[in-house]
Protein backbone atom coordinates (compact mmCIF):
# COMPACT_ATOMS: atom_id res chain seq x y z
CA MET A 1 32.18 3.81 -5.27
CA SER A 2 30.56 3.42 -1.94
CA PRO A 3 31.26 -0.18 -0.56
CA LEU A 4 27.04 -0.64 -0.07
CA ARG A 5 26.70 -0.04 -3.75
CA LEU A 6 29.48 -2.42 -4.54
CA SER A 7 28.16 -5.12 -2.67
CA THR A 8 24.50 -4.48 -4.10
CA ILE A 9 26.04 -4.62 -7.83
CA LEU A 10 28.32 -7.93 -6.80
CA MET A 11 25.05 -9.65 -5.49
CA SER A 12 23.13 -8.77 -8.45
CA ALA A 13 25.45 -9.79 -10.73
CA THR A 14 25.97 -13.28 -8.65
CA LEU A 15 21.72 -14.03 -8.87
CA ALA A 16 21.85 -13.17 -12.42
CA THR A 17 24.36 -15.62 -12.85
CA ALA A 18 22.97 -18.32 -10.73
CA MET A 19 19.32 -17.67 -12.35
CA LEU A 20 21.05 -18.18 -15.82
CA SER A 21 22.48 -21.21 -14.74
CA GLY A 22 19.84 -22.80 -13.37
CA THR A 23 17.41 -22.04 -16.26
CA ALA A 24 19.78 -23.31 -18.78
CA VAL A 25 20.26 -26.54 -16.76
CA SER A 26 16.49 -26.81 -15.90
CA ALA A 27 15.63 -26.33 -20.00
CA GLN A 28 18.16 -29.10 -21.02
CA ASN A 29 16.97 -31.66 -18.65
CA VAL A 30 13.39 -31.97 -19.07
CA THR A 31 11.95 -35.52 -19.30
CA PRO A 32 8.25 -36.17 -19.54
CA ALA A 33 8.74 -37.28 -15.88
CA ASN A 34 10.05 -34.25 -14.81
CA ARG A 35 7.49 -32.29 -17.32
CA ASN A 36 4.98 -33.68 -14.93
CA THR A 37 6.69 -32.00 -11.69
CA LEU A 38 7.25 -29.15 -13.35
CA VAL A 39 3.60 -28.65 -14.61
CA LEU A 40 2.55 -29.38 -10.86
CA GLN A 41 4.95 -27.15 -9.67
CA GLY A 42 3.77 -24.21 -12.05
CA GLU A 43 -0.27 -25.27 -10.81
CA LEU A 44 0.82 -25.26 -7.09
CA GLN A 45 2.71 -21.66 -7.54
CA MET A 46 -0.27 -20.29 -9.51
CA LEU A 47 -2.90 -21.43 -6.33
CA GLU A 48 -0.26 -19.82 -3.78
CA ASN A 49 -0.64 -16.63 -5.85
CA ARG A 50 -3.95 -16.77 -5.88
CA LEU A 51 -4.53 -17.53 -2.57
CA ARG A 52 -1.86 -14.80 -1.37
CA ARG A 53 -4.31 -12.31 -3.36
CA GLN A 54 -7.14 -13.61 -1.94
CA GLN A 55 -5.64 -13.12 1.74
CA TYR A 56 -4.64 -9.78 0.72
CA GLN A 57 -7.98 -8.27 -0.56
CA GLN A 58 -9.67 -9.72 2.65
CA GLN A 59 -7.24 -7.92 4.71
CA GLN A 60 -8.05 -4.55 2.67
CA GLN A 61 -11.49 -5.48 3.28
CA GLN A 62 -11.24 -5.61 6.77
CA PHE A 63 -9.25 -2.42 7.07
CA ARG A 64 -11.96 -0.40 4.93
CA ALA A 65 -14.84 -1.85 7.56
CA GLN A 66 -12.48 -0.85 10.50
CA ASP A 67 -12.21 2.47 8.77
CA ARG A 68 -15.61 3.15 8.35
CA GLN A 69 -16.84 1.98 11.91
CA VAL A 70 -14.29 4.61 13.39
CA VAL A 71 -16.08 8.17 12.81
CA PRO A 72 -13.58 11.14 13.25
CA GLN A 73 -15.36 13.56 16.07
CA ARG A 74 -15.17 17.44 15.35
CA PRO A 75 -13.26 18.74 18.10
CA ASP A 76 -15.59 21.13 20.39
CA VAL A 77 -13.83 24.41 19.60
CA PRO A 78 -15.16 27.33 21.65
CA GLN A 79 -15.99 29.84 19.92
CA MET A 80 -15.50 34.03 21.24
CA ALA A 81 -18.94 35.78 21.49
CA PRO A 82 -18.65 38.85 19.06
CA THR A 83 -18.66 42.23 20.79
CA CYS A 84 -20.78 44.25 18.69
CA ARG A 85 -23.16 46.99 19.60
CA LEU A 86 -25.94 48.47 18.10
CA GLU A 87 -25.61 52.30 17.45
CA ARG A 88 -28.44 54.05 15.82
CA SER A 89 -27.52 56.56 12.81
CA GLY A 90 -30.11 58.66 11.69
CA SER A 91 -33.01 56.35 10.76
CA ARG A 92 -30.70 53.25 10.44
CA PHE A 93 -28.77 51.46 12.72
CA ILE A 94 -25.11 50.72 12.27
CA ARG A 95 -23.41 47.45 14.05
CA THR A 96 -19.66 48.24 15.49
CA CYS A 97 -17.62 44.98 16.22
CA ARG A 98 -14.18 44.92 18.21
């Protein structure tokens, strides 16, 4: 097993253990005064998430507006003139091109 993969697994396990112990402690120590703080933190996080979404949407709108302003110009590609000749063949004309 590579050292990078091993350290990733150990880090994930450490984080999972810390999160589980943190949620167990916070779930046991909920008091009425503490509950208000938790509610306020939840509301604050919801507001922060809403603000981030709004900022992201505004940024995407600005990028779209910039993309609309920049109109790509088609490159002017020189075309070769065809070298065709009209030859008479009986009562018709035949075009021979090279």
